[in-house]
Amino acid sequence: MITTLAASGTDVGNPAFNIAIFLAFVVVTMTLVIRASRTTKKASDFYTGGGQFTGPQNGFAIAGDYLSAASFLGIAGAIAVYGYDGFLYSIGFLVAWLVALLLVAELLRNTGRFTMADVLSFRLKQRPVRMAAALSTLAVSLFYLLAQMAGAGGLVSLLLNIDGKVGQSIVVAIVGVLMIVYVLVGGMKGTTYVQMVKAVLLVAGAGIMFVLVLWAVRGNFSQLLANAQDMVNSSTTKGVQGRDILGPGAKYGLSGMTKLDFISLGIALVLGTAGLPHVLMRFYTVPTAKEARRSVTWAIALIGAFYLFTLVLGYGAASMVGPDKILAAPGKENAAAPLLAFELGGTIFLGIISAVAFATILAVVAGLAITASASFAHDIYASVIKRGNATEEQQVRVSRITVVVIGLVSIVLGIMAMGQNIAFLVALAFAVAASANLPTLLYSLFWKKFNTTGALFSIYGGLVSCLTLIVFSPAVSGKPSSMFPNSDFAWFPLSNPGIVSIPLAFVLGIVGTYIGRNKIEDPAKQAEMEVRSLTGVGVEKAVSH
């Protein structure tokens, strides 16, 4: 099947060598996962690795979780094709960590146990709030998975010279199956080890490419920018020729509406990280709040270095590969980084860098899957359906079943989203996270009067408004780059709804709180949450059972 499909493609590297590199990575990481599974006995082991990782270890794992296919493939491609406007993704993804560090990391670690819903429901009514938080977690995770699976299809299709939709769909399915196996076998411990390995490989690989690109222009960054602009000026692709990629406006400067889209995207990127369930869950894998702070500091250092690399990689791809070749490849913009690797180091370097990108996708989808499954099993099954009477064994069993279901759903959605820019798809997940999760999280931690009605208004209002605006936006229909380019049911003009849905969720939280002000919450619980979140006193209750 692969040989037949490969015959129709455009040769980039050696498919057999690329497959060998992929298999080597899968064997190494699967060995780590199997070894980790031997110590995964309790629910806390499966969900949070028993809270045994150090700050630096968790920092590498957070970087591995956060630096997704969007960071490596999507951003490099966006910069290569749109230049300055594409770099917005790097800036937004990095600055977002300041919000997570200052407002969320330590407080979350002190208050919860397994999932984000532990914090949201701490002083509110357990069942309705846990249900709402779990549904928003599942929505964000599926959107994020959508992006990673689409990236997998484009990346591996390029490396194996697969042009057809059927062949790319098979690739997406294989990635989905591998993800299911990683999580089922290793739980959070196995997933964390995979993410740590992947973070080292990704930052090192991007660093090597960074050095090679600058070496090619003898360290003259201005020359690199000039070469990139020259390649764009000589492009034969409609809409690309003559585009100014050294200043703002290549993507978001054509009209007042696209400028508004630019602002909306920036808001979603900066506020989204602090509401991402799979990132927030990582704070529970360390033993103390101090280690949670250390882990974020390490993560920011690694992530910051990587996003500086993407600027050079993007313009390097524009100057050494050119937008015409990038947009003609399977995966389009997402192929920029692998094609640059091929230009810099030939077949072997392409295989290595692509294996790193493949590792990136596998590590992130495994982290997303375990977060979504933990939320369903811990919050919906154990707390809502079983009313707190489920055993740990039952929770883990339901979690494993959920992983399989989520894997199958993500495969279908990934096939539908192939060809989209991954960074753009991840930005939609950030918008959902910032709309549905962040307002409720901040109100729960910092506003004494906040109540259950406010939480439900905020979560459901933010989630429903964001999803509705996405469905009826140009991201889904009405444009050649949409998911359904041949249909047009878009009435919302912006591709990212963050500028509307995020403020709306904050307002709804306030409105709901005052509507439900007669329903008095437990003041003792509120006081306990405030003391525990700020000081860490009593946190042992969250991790000892």
Protein backbone atom coordinates (compact mmCIF):
# COMPACT_ATOMS: atom_id res chain seq x y z
CA MET A 1 0.00 0.00 0.00
CA ILE A 2 2.72 2.50 1.01
CA THR A 3 4.82 1.68 -2.08
CA THR A 4 1.84 2.20 -4.38
CA LEU A 5 0.95 5.49 -2.76
CA ALA A 6 4.55 6.67 -2.76
CA ALA A 7 4.82 6.23 -6.48
CA SER A 8 2.45 9.12 -7.10
CA GLY A 9 4.27 11.58 -4.84
CA THR A 10 7.09 14.03 -5.23
CA ASP A 11 10.39 12.64 -4.00
CA VAL A 12 11.63 14.27 -0.82
CA GLY A 13 14.31 12.24 0.90
CA ASN A 14 14.24 8.47 1.24
CA PRO A 15 10.90 7.00 2.44
CA ALA A 16 12.56 3.79 3.65
CA PHE A 17 15.08 5.72 5.76
CA ASN A 18 12.33 7.97 7.13
CA ILE A 19 10.26 4.93 8.14
CA ALA A 20 13.32 3.41 9.88
CA ILE A 21 13.84 6.61 11.89
CA PHE A 22 10.16 6.66 12.89
CA LEU A 23 10.26 3.02 13.95
CA ALA A 24 13.42 3.60 16.01
CA PHE A 25 11.72 6.41 17.91
CA VAL A 26 8.59 4.35 18.49
CA VAL A 27 10.66 1.40 19.81
CA VAL A 28 12.67 3.60 22.22
CA THR A 29 9.66 5.46 23.57
CA MET A 30 7.54 2.31 23.80
CA THR A 31 10.30 0.74 25.91
CA LEU A 32 10.15 3.74 28.28
CA VAL A 33 6.36 3.48 28.42
CA ILE A 34 6.40 -0.24 29.21
CA ARG A 35 8.97 0.27 31.99
CA ALA A 36 6.84 3.08 33.44
CA SER A 37 3.74 0.86 33.37
CA ARG A 38 5.32 -1.48 35.95
CA THR A 39 5.00 1.24 38.60
CA THR A 40 1.56 2.43 37.51
CA LYS A 41 -0.67 0.77 40.10
CA LYS A 42 -2.98 3.44 41.55
CA ALA A 43 -5.22 6.09 40.00
CA SER A 44 -2.75 8.78 41.10
CA ASP A 45 0.00 6.95 39.18
CA PHE A 46 -2.13 6.77 36.03
CA TYR A 47 -3.34 10.39 36.13
CA THR A 48 -0.42 12.35 37.64
CA GLY A 49 2.53 9.94 37.80
CA GLY A 50 2.15 9.82 41.59
CA GLY A 51 3.30 13.47 41.83
CA GLN A 52 6.92 12.26 41.88
CA PHE A 53 8.58 14.35 39.16
CA THR A 54 11.02 17.15 39.99
CA GLY A 55 10.62 20.73 38.77
CA PRO A 56 13.22 20.43 35.97
CA GLN A 57 11.80 17.07 34.85
CA ASN A 58 8.30 18.50 34.77
CA GLY A 59 9.60 21.62 33.04
CA PHE A 60 10.93 19.49 30.19
CA ALA A 61 7.65 17.56 30.12
CA ILE A 62 5.62 20.79 30.02
CA ALA A 63 7.77 22.01 27.14
CA GLY A 64 7.21 18.65 25.47
CA ASP A 65 3.47 18.98 26.00
CA TYR A 66 3.28 22.61 24.90
CA LEU A 67 5.64 22.63 21.90
CA SER A 68 3.22 20.89 19.62
CA ALA A 69 3.15 20.34 15.89
CA ALA A 70 1.74 23.87 15.69
CA SER A 71 4.94 25.25 17.21
CA PHE A 72 7.35 23.37 14.97
CA LEU A 73 5.51 22.87 11.69
CA GLY A 74 2.74 25.46 11.74
CA ILE A 75 4.70 28.50 12.94
CA ALA A 76 7.72 27.86 10.71
CA GLY A 77 5.33 27.56 7.76
CA ALA A 78 3.37 30.67 8.72
CA ILE A 79 6.57 32.74 8.95
CA ALA A 80 7.88 31.30 5.68
CA VAL A 81 4.70 32.26 3.81
CA TYR A 82 3.47 35.36 5.72
CA GLY A 83 6.64 36.57 7.46
CA TYR A 84 6.05 39.12 10.22
CA ASP A 85 2.38 38.19 10.70
CA GLY A 86 3.28 34.52 11.12
CA PHE A 87 5.63 35.38 13.99
CA LEU A 88 2.59 36.52 16.01
CA TYR A 89 2.02 32.87 16.90
CA SER A 90 5.47 32.59 18.48
CA ILE A 91 5.01 35.80 20.47
CA GLY A 92 1.52 34.86 21.63
CA PHE A 93 2.40 31.31 22.65
CA LEU A 94 5.42 32.53 24.67
CA VAL A 95 3.85 35.55 26.39
CA ALA A 96 0.92 33.33 27.44
CA TRP A 97 3.25 31.57 29.88
CA LEU A 98 3.54 34.72 31.98
CA VAL A 99 -0.21 34.55 32.61
CA ALA A 100 0.06 30.87 33.56
CA LEU A 101 3.05 31.48 35.87
CA LEU A 102 1.73 34.57 37.66
CA LEU A 103 -1.95 33.67 38.02
CA VAL A 104 -2.42 29.93 37.85
CA ALA A 105 0.50 27.49 38.35
CA GLU A 106 1.12 27.58 42.11
CA LEU A 107 -2.50 28.24 43.13
CA LEU A 108 -3.73 25.36 41.00
CA ARG A 109 -1.13 22.96 42.39
CA ASN A 110 -2.07 23.86 45.98
CA THR A 111 -5.79 23.38 45.47
CA GLY A 112 -6.43 20.39 43.21
CA ARG A 113 -5.66 16.71 42.92
CA PHE A 114 -6.07 15.27 39.41
CA THR A 115 -7.95 17.66 37.09
CA MET A 116 -8.88 21.30 36.56
CA ALA A 117 -12.41 20.50 37.79
CA ASP A 118 -10.96 19.76 41.26
CA VAL A 119 -10.20 23.48 41.55
CA LEU A 120 -13.40 24.76 39.95
CA SER A 121 -15.62 22.60 42.16
CA PHE A 122 -13.60 23.00 45.40
CA ARG A 123 -16.04 25.42 47.04
CA LEU A 124 -18.98 25.07 44.66
CA LYS A 125 -21.56 22.36 44.06
CA GLN A 126 -19.61 19.32 42.92
CA ARG A 127 -21.78 17.58 40.34
CA PRO A 128 -22.93 20.43 38.03
CA VAL A 129 -19.56 22.19 38.07
CA ARG A 130 -17.58 19.00 37.48
CA MET A 131 -19.84 18.09 34.56
CA ALA A 132 -19.40 21.53 32.98
CA ALA A 133 -15.61 21.54 33.52
CA ALA A 134 -15.26 18.02 32.12
CA LEU A 135 -17.24 18.89 28.97
CA SER A 136 -15.09 21.98 28.35
CA THR A 137 -11.95 19.88 28.90
CA LEU A 138 -13.13 17.35 26.33
CA ALA A 139 -13.94 20.13 23.84
CA VAL A 140 -10.52 21.80 24.17
CA SER A 141 -8.71 18.45 24.00
CA LEU A 142 -10.55 17.41 20.83
CA PHE A 143 -9.78 20.72 19.11
CA TYR A 144 -6.10 20.37 20.03
CA LEU A 145 -6.07 16.74 18.90
CA LEU A 146 -7.61 17.83 15.62
CA ALA A 147 -4.59 20.03 14.92
CA GLN A 148 -2.01 17.40 15.87
CA MET A 149 -3.62 14.68 13.77
CA ALA A 150 -3.87 16.99 10.77
CA GLY A 151 -0.17 17.76 11.21
CA ALA A 152 0.65 14.07 11.35
CA GLY A 153 -1.12 13.48 8.06
CA GLY A 154 0.72 16.27 6.25
CA LEU A 155 4.14 15.49 7.74
CA VAL A 156 4.26 11.77 7.16
CA SER A 157 2.62 12.12 3.75
CA LEU A 158 5.49 14.39 2.73
CA LEU A 159 8.11 11.96 4.03
CA LEU A 160 6.57 8.87 2.49
CA ASN A 161 5.64 10.69 -0.73
CA ILE A 162 1.91 10.12 -0.24
CA ASP A 163 -0.30 12.54 -2.16
CA GLY A 164 -3.69 10.82 -2.02
CA LYS A 165 -6.36 11.50 0.60
CA VAL A 166 -6.65 7.76 1.34
CA GLY A 167 -2.94 7.39 2.09
CA GLN A 168 -2.90 10.46 4.36
CA SER A 169 -5.97 9.14 6.17
CA ILE A 170 -4.14 5.86 6.85
CA VAL A 171 -1.24 7.84 8.34
CA VAL A 172 -3.59 9.75 10.66
CA ALA A 173 -5.16 6.46 11.76
CA ILE A 174 -1.74 4.95 12.58
CA VAL A 175 -0.83 7.98 14.72
CA GLY A 176 -4.16 7.66 16.54
CA VAL A 177 -3.57 3.99 17.30
CA LEU A 178 -0.03 4.68 18.60
CA MET A 179 -1.41 7.41 20.86
CA ILE A 180 -3.97 4.99 22.31
CA VAL A 181 -1.28 2.38 23.00
CA TYR A 182 1.05 4.89 24.74
CA VAL A 183 -1.65 6.04 27.14
CA LEU A 184 -3.20 2.63 27.79
CA VAL A 185 0.16 1.08 28.62
CA GLY A 186 2.04 3.86 30.43
CA GLY A 187 -0.49 6.32 31.84
CA MET A 188 0.89 9.71 32.91
CA LYS A 189 4.31 8.33 33.87
CA GLY A 190 4.91 6.83 30.45
CA THR A 191 3.51 9.89 28.72
CA THR A 192 5.76 12.20 30.78
CA TYR A 193 8.90 10.28 29.84
CA VAL A 194 7.93 10.45 26.16
CA GLN A 195 7.38 14.21 26.48
CA MET A 196 10.75 14.73 28.19
CA VAL A 197 12.60 12.84 25.45
CA LYS A 198 10.66 14.70 22.79
CA ALA A 199 11.40 18.13 24.35
CA VAL A 200 15.16 17.46 24.30
CA LEU A 201 15.02 16.23 20.70
CA LEU A 202 12.83 19.11 19.49
CA VAL A 203 14.79 21.97 21.08
CA ALA A 204 18.11 20.38 20.03
CA GLY A 205 16.88 19.73 16.48
CA ALA A 206 15.53 23.27 16.09
CA GLY A 207 18.76 24.64 17.59
CA ILE A 208 20.90 22.76 15.06
CA MET A 209 18.74 24.04 12.18
CA PHE A 210 18.99 27.57 13.63
CA VAL A 211 22.80 27.37 13.61
CA LEU A 212 22.93 25.89 10.09
CA VAL A 213 20.66 28.58 8.63
CA LEU A 214 22.72 31.39 10.18
CA TRP A 215 25.92 29.61 9.09
CA ALA A 216 24.65 29.66 5.50
CA VAL A 217 24.41 33.48 5.61
CA ARG A 218 27.56 33.83 7.74
CA GLY A 219 25.56 35.10 10.69
CA ASN A 220 24.10 38.00 8.71
CA PHE A 221 20.41 38.00 9.72
CA SER A 222 19.69 41.03 7.53
CA GLN A 223 20.94 39.08 4.52
CA LEU A 224 18.65 36.19 5.46
CA LEU A 225 15.65 38.53 5.52
CA ALA A 226 16.64 40.06 2.18
CA ASN A 227 17.01 36.62 0.58
CA ALA A 228 13.59 35.60 1.90
CA GLN A 229 11.95 38.72 0.46
CA ASP A 230 13.69 38.12 -2.91
CA MET A 231 12.26 34.57 -3.06
CA VAL A 232 8.78 35.91 -2.36
CA ASN A 233 9.16 38.61 -5.02
CA SER A 234 10.10 35.96 -7.60
CA SER A 235 7.25 33.63 -6.61
CA THR A 236 4.86 32.38 -9.28
CA THR A 237 2.11 31.47 -6.79
CA LYS A 238 -1.00 33.64 -7.02
CA GLY A 239 -1.27 36.02 -4.08
CA VAL A 240 2.31 35.46 -2.90
CA GLN A 241 4.37 37.38 -5.47
CA GLY A 242 5.41 40.78 -4.19
CA ARG A 243 4.07 40.18 -0.67
CA ASP A 244 5.95 42.14 2.01
CA ILE A 245 7.01 39.50 4.57
CA LEU A 246 9.28 41.87 6.52
CA GLY A 247 6.49 44.07 7.83
CA PRO A 248 2.97 43.63 9.18
CA GLY A 249 0.02 43.11 6.88
CA ALA A 250 0.85 40.08 4.74
CA LYS A 251 -2.03 38.14 6.31
CA TYR A 252 -3.86 40.49 8.67
CA GLY A 253 -3.53 43.90 7.04
CA LEU A 254 -5.80 43.85 3.99
CA SER A 255 -8.82 45.48 5.66
CA GLY A 256 -10.24 46.66 8.97
CA MET A 257 -11.85 43.26 9.53
CA THR A 258 -8.60 41.31 9.18
CA LYS A 259 -6.92 43.69 11.64
CA LEU A 260 -9.72 42.84 14.08
CA ASP A 261 -9.04 39.15 13.39
CA PHE A 262 -5.38 39.80 14.24
CA ILE A 263 -6.34 41.27 17.63
CA SER A 264 -8.78 38.41 18.28
CA LEU A 265 -6.09 35.84 17.54
CA GLY A 266 -3.62 37.60 19.83
CA ILE A 267 -6.09 37.65 22.73
CA ALA A 268 -6.82 33.94 22.30
CA LEU A 269 -3.12 33.02 22.18
CA VAL A 270 -2.12 35.05 25.24
CA LEU A 271 -5.03 33.97 27.45
CA GLY A 272 -5.46 30.42 26.19
CA THR A 273 -2.49 28.72 27.85
CA ALA A 274 -3.73 29.36 31.40
CA GLY A 275 -6.93 27.51 30.49
CA LEU A 276 -5.46 24.51 28.65
CA PRO A 277 -6.42 21.39 30.66
CA HIS A 278 -3.51 19.21 29.49
CA VAL A 279 -0.99 21.91 30.52
CA LEU A 280 -2.74 22.62 33.84
CA MET A 281 -2.77 18.90 34.67
CA ARG A 282 1.02 18.84 34.52
CA PHE A 283 1.21 20.93 37.71
CA TYR A 284 -0.15 17.94 39.65
CA THR A 285 2.79 15.73 38.69
CA VAL A 286 5.19 17.52 41.08
CA PRO A 287 5.22 17.05 44.89
CA THR A 288 5.16 20.72 46.00
CA ALA A 289 4.11 24.19 44.89
CA LYS A 290 7.78 25.21 44.83
CA GLU A 291 8.47 22.48 42.28
CA ALA A 292 5.45 23.68 40.28
CA ARG A 293 7.03 27.16 40.07
CA ARG A 294 10.41 25.67 39.15
CA SER A 295 8.83 23.55 36.43
CA VAL A 296 7.21 26.62 34.84
CA THR A 297 10.51 28.51 34.98
CA TRP A 298 12.30 25.66 33.19
CA ALA A 299 9.48 25.40 30.69
CA ILE A 300 9.61 29.14 29.88
CA ALA A 301 13.39 28.93 29.28
CA LEU A 302 13.04 25.99 26.88
CA ILE A 303 9.95 27.35 25.14
CA GLY A 304 11.43 30.85 24.84
CA ALA A 305 14.60 29.55 23.20
CA PHE A 306 12.57 27.43 20.81
CA TYR A 307 10.33 30.30 19.67
CA LEU A 308 13.38 32.45 18.97
CA PHE A 309 14.61 29.62 16.76
CA THR A 310 11.32 29.62 14.79
CA LEU A 311 11.94 33.15 13.48
CA VAL A 312 15.17 32.05 11.82
CA LEU A 313 13.68 28.74 10.68
CA GLY A 314 10.69 30.45 9.08
CA TYR A 315 12.70 33.03 7.16
CA GLY A 316 15.29 30.35 6.40
CA ALA A 317 12.60 28.22 4.77
CA ALA A 318 11.38 31.24 2.80
CA SER A 319 14.87 32.02 1.49
CA MET A 320 16.26 28.49 0.95
CA VAL A 321 13.13 26.57 -0.07
CA GLY A 322 10.76 29.27 -1.27
CA PRO A 323 7.00 29.67 -0.85
CA ASP A 324 6.22 27.99 -4.19
CA LYS A 325 7.76 24.66 -3.19
CA ILE A 326 6.32 24.88 0.32
CA LEU A 327 2.75 25.51 -0.82
CA ALA A 328 2.99 22.78 -3.47
CA ALA A 329 4.02 20.08 -0.96
CA PRO A 330 1.62 17.76 0.90
CA GLY A 331 0.68 19.59 4.07
CA LYS A 332 1.40 22.95 2.39
CA GLU A 333 2.69 25.48 4.98
CA ASN A 334 3.26 22.69 7.50
CA ALA A 335 5.95 21.22 5.21
CA ALA A 336 8.28 24.25 5.55
CA ALA A 337 10.46 22.90 8.39
CA PRO A 338 11.00 19.39 6.90
CA LEU A 339 11.79 20.89 3.47
CA LEU A 340 14.28 23.28 5.09
CA ALA A 341 15.92 20.31 6.84
CA PHE A 342 16.26 18.60 3.46
CA GLU A 343 17.94 21.70 1.99
CA LEU A 344 20.32 21.98 4.95
CA GLY A 345 21.37 18.37 5.44
CA GLY A 346 19.87 16.14 2.77
CA THR A 347 18.05 12.87 3.30
CA ILE A 348 19.56 11.93 6.68
CA PHE A 349 18.90 15.30 8.32
CA LEU A 350 15.37 15.36 6.88
CA GLY A 351 14.70 11.94 8.39
CA ILE A 352 16.02 12.98 11.80
CA ILE A 353 14.13 16.31 11.94
CA SER A 354 10.96 14.67 10.69
CA ALA A 355 11.24 11.96 13.32
CA VAL A 356 11.50 14.76 15.89
CA ALA A 357 8.34 16.33 14.48
CA PHE A 358 6.64 12.93 14.54
CA ALA A 359 7.74 12.53 18.17
CA THR A 360 6.28 15.97 18.86
CA ILE A 361 2.89 14.92 17.55
CA LEU A 362 2.86 11.59 19.40
CA ALA A 363 3.87 13.13 22.74
CA VAL A 364 1.28 15.90 22.56
CA VAL A 365 -1.62 13.68 21.49
CA ALA A 366 -0.78 11.25 24.30
CA GLY A 367 -0.87 14.09 26.84
CA LEU A 368 -4.17 15.35 25.45
CA ALA A 369 -5.70 11.89 25.49
CA ILE A 370 -4.79 11.20 29.12
CA THR A 371 -6.12 14.61 30.18
CA ALA A 372 -9.45 14.11 28.43
CA SER A 373 -9.82 10.54 29.71
CA ALA A 374 -8.93 11.55 33.28
CA SER A 375 -11.50 14.33 33.17
CA PHE A 376 -14.24 11.99 31.97
CA ALA A 377 -13.42 9.18 34.41
CA HIS A 378 -12.64 11.34 37.47
CA ASP A 379 -15.17 14.13 37.00
CA ILE A 380 -18.10 12.69 35.05
CA TYR A 381 -18.02 8.98 35.88
CA ALA A 382 -16.77 9.00 39.49
CA SER A 383 -18.25 12.30 40.73
CA VAL A 384 -21.44 12.70 38.68
CA ILE A 385 -22.58 9.23 37.61
CA LYS A 386 -21.30 7.25 40.62
CA ARG A 387 -21.70 10.21 43.06
CA GLY A 388 -18.23 9.65 44.52
CA ASN A 389 -18.65 5.91 45.08
CA ALA A 390 -16.40 4.65 42.28
CA THR A 391 -13.24 2.76 43.22
CA GLU A 392 -9.84 3.73 41.82
CA GLU A 393 -9.82 0.55 39.71
CA GLN A 394 -13.17 1.48 38.17
CA GLN A 395 -11.98 5.02 37.42
CA VAL A 396 -8.84 3.80 35.67
CA ARG A 397 -10.82 1.22 33.67
CA VAL A 398 -13.31 3.86 32.49
CA SER A 399 -10.38 6.18 31.70
CA ARG A 400 -8.79 3.53 29.48
CA ILE A 401 -12.06 2.98 27.61
CA THR A 402 -12.37 6.75 27.14
CA VAL A 403 -8.87 6.90 25.64
CA VAL A 404 -9.92 4.45 22.93
CA VAL A 405 -13.09 6.43 22.13
CA ILE A 406 -11.22 9.76 22.06
CA GLY A 407 -8.55 8.23 19.83
CA LEU A 408 -11.13 7.06 17.30
CA VAL A 409 -12.96 10.41 17.29
CA SER A 410 -9.68 12.33 16.85
CA ILE A 411 -8.75 10.14 13.89
CA VAL A 412 -12.01 11.05 12.12
CA LEU A 413 -11.65 14.77 12.93
CA GLY A 414 -7.97 14.76 11.93
CA ILE A 415 -8.84 13.35 8.52
CA MET A 416 -11.41 16.13 8.04
CA ALA A 417 -8.89 18.87 8.97
CA MET A 418 -5.98 17.78 6.76
CA GLY A 419 -4.42 20.64 4.80
CA GLN A 420 -5.22 23.33 7.40
CA ASN A 421 -2.38 25.29 9.02
CA ILE A 422 -1.78 23.58 12.36
CA ALA A 423 -0.93 26.78 14.23
CA PHE A 424 -4.27 28.23 13.14
CA LEU A 425 -6.15 25.12 14.35
CA VAL A 426 -4.37 25.24 17.72
CA ALA A 427 -5.32 28.92 18.02
CA LEU A 428 -8.96 27.82 17.86
CA ALA A 429 -8.31 25.40 20.75
CA PHE A 430 -6.74 28.29 22.69
CA ALA A 431 -9.86 30.38 22.07
CA VAL A 432 -12.08 27.61 23.46
CA ALA A 433 -9.79 27.19 26.51
CA ALA A 434 -9.67 30.93 27.23
CA SER A 435 -13.45 31.26 26.80
CA ALA A 436 -14.68 28.21 28.71
CA ASN A 437 -12.00 27.66 31.38
CA LEU A 438 -9.97 30.75 32.21
CA PRO A 439 -12.75 33.08 33.50
CA THR A 440 -14.16 30.38 35.79
CA LEU A 441 -10.69 29.43 37.03
CA LEU A 442 -9.74 33.02 37.89
CA TYR A 443 -13.10 33.77 39.51
CA SER A 444 -12.87 30.57 41.59
CA LEU A 445 -9.40 31.46 42.84
CA PHE A 446 -9.78 35.20 43.40
CA TRP A 447 -13.47 36.21 43.83
CA LYS A 448 -15.09 35.34 47.16
CA LYS A 449 -18.66 35.96 45.98
CA PHE A 450 -18.35 33.67 42.96
CA ASN A 451 -20.90 30.85 43.07
CA THR A 452 -22.11 27.76 41.24
CA THR A 453 -24.55 29.66 39.00
CA GLY A 454 -21.74 32.01 37.93
CA ALA A 455 -19.48 29.06 37.16
CA LEU A 456 -22.11 27.35 35.00
CA PHE A 457 -22.94 30.59 33.16
CA SER A 458 -19.23 31.21 32.53
CA ILE A 459 -18.27 27.70 31.40
CA TYR A 460 -21.29 26.89 29.27
CA GLY A 461 -21.65 30.45 27.96
CA GLY A 462 -18.01 30.67 26.94
CA LEU A 463 -17.97 27.16 25.47
CA VAL A 464 -21.22 27.42 23.50
CA SER A 465 -20.54 30.94 22.19
CA CYS A 466 -16.99 30.07 21.12
CA LEU A 467 -17.95 26.81 19.39
CA THR A 468 -20.94 28.45 17.68
CA LEU A 469 -18.86 31.33 16.34
CA ILE A 470 -16.17 28.90 15.10
CA VAL A 471 -18.73 26.75 13.25
CA PHE A 472 -20.18 29.80 11.50
CA SER A 473 -16.83 31.45 10.77
CA PRO A 474 -14.60 31.46 7.66
CA ALA A 475 -12.45 28.84 9.42
CA VAL A 476 -15.11 26.22 8.68
CA SER A 477 -16.77 27.37 5.43
CA GLY A 478 -16.84 30.07 2.78
CA LYS A 479 -13.17 30.27 1.79
CA PRO A 480 -10.75 28.10 -0.22
CA SER A 481 -8.73 27.54 2.98
CA SER A 482 -11.80 26.52 5.04
CA MET A 483 -12.48 22.99 6.28
CA PHE A 484 -15.48 22.87 3.92
CA PRO A 485 -14.37 25.08 1.01
CA ASN A 486 -17.30 24.13 -1.21
CA SER A 487 -19.93 25.24 1.33
CA ASP A 488 -20.72 28.66 2.71
CA PHE A 489 -22.72 29.00 5.92
CA ALA A 490 -20.41 31.55 7.57
CA TRP A 491 -22.05 34.67 9.01
CA PHE A 492 -19.45 35.50 11.68
CA PRO A 493 -16.66 37.48 9.92
CA LEU A 494 -13.66 36.58 12.13
CA SER A 495 -11.67 33.34 11.84
CA ASN A 496 -10.89 33.35 15.57
CA PRO A 497 -13.76 34.27 17.95
CA GLY A 498 -11.61 35.13 21.00
CA ILE A 499 -12.34 38.88 20.94
CA VAL A 500 -16.06 38.14 21.41
CA SER A 501 -16.30 34.86 23.33
CA ILE A 502 -13.62 35.52 26.00
CA PRO A 503 -15.02 38.86 27.30
CA LEU A 504 -18.53 37.37 27.03
CA ALA A 505 -17.53 34.47 29.31
CA PHE A 506 -16.12 36.89 31.91
CA VAL A 507 -19.33 38.95 31.81
CA LEU A 508 -21.54 35.85 32.03
CA GLY A 509 -19.62 34.73 35.12
CA ILE A 510 -20.50 38.01 36.83
CA VAL A 511 -24.13 37.95 35.64
CA GLY A 512 -24.61 34.34 36.78
CA THR A 513 -23.07 35.08 40.18
CA TYR A 514 -25.55 37.88 40.86
CA ILE A 515 -28.49 35.84 39.51
CA GLY A 516 -27.60 33.00 41.91
CA ARG A 517 -26.57 35.23 44.84
CA ASN A 518 -29.39 33.88 47.03
CA LYS A 519 -27.91 30.38 46.85
CA ILE A 520 -25.27 30.63 49.56
CA GLU A 521 -22.08 28.61 49.07
CA ASP A 522 -20.10 27.13 51.96
CA PRO A 523 -18.04 30.04 53.45
CA ALA A 524 -15.76 27.59 55.27
CA LYS A 525 -14.83 25.95 51.97
CA GLN A 526 -14.17 29.35 50.42
CA ALA A 527 -11.86 30.29 53.29
CA GLU A 528 -10.06 26.93 53.09
CA MET A 529 -9.53 27.33 49.35
CA GLU A 530 -8.11 30.84 49.78
CA VAL A 531 -5.66 29.76 52.48
CA ARG A 532 -4.61 26.57 50.69
CA SER A 533 -4.17 28.20 47.27
CA LEU A 534 -2.01 31.03 48.65
CA THR A 535 0.03 29.17 51.28
CA GLY A 536 -0.10 25.46 50.40
CA VAL A 537 -1.35 24.62 53.92
CA GLY A 538 -3.56 21.55 53.69
CA VAL A 539 -2.38 20.56 50.21
CA GLU A 540 -1.47 17.10 51.53
CA LYS A 541 -5.21 16.36 51.62
CA ALA A 542 -5.28 16.56 47.86
CA VAL A 543 -2.45 14.14 47.22
CA SER A 544 -2.60 11.63 50.04
CA HIS A 545 -5.73 9.76 49.11
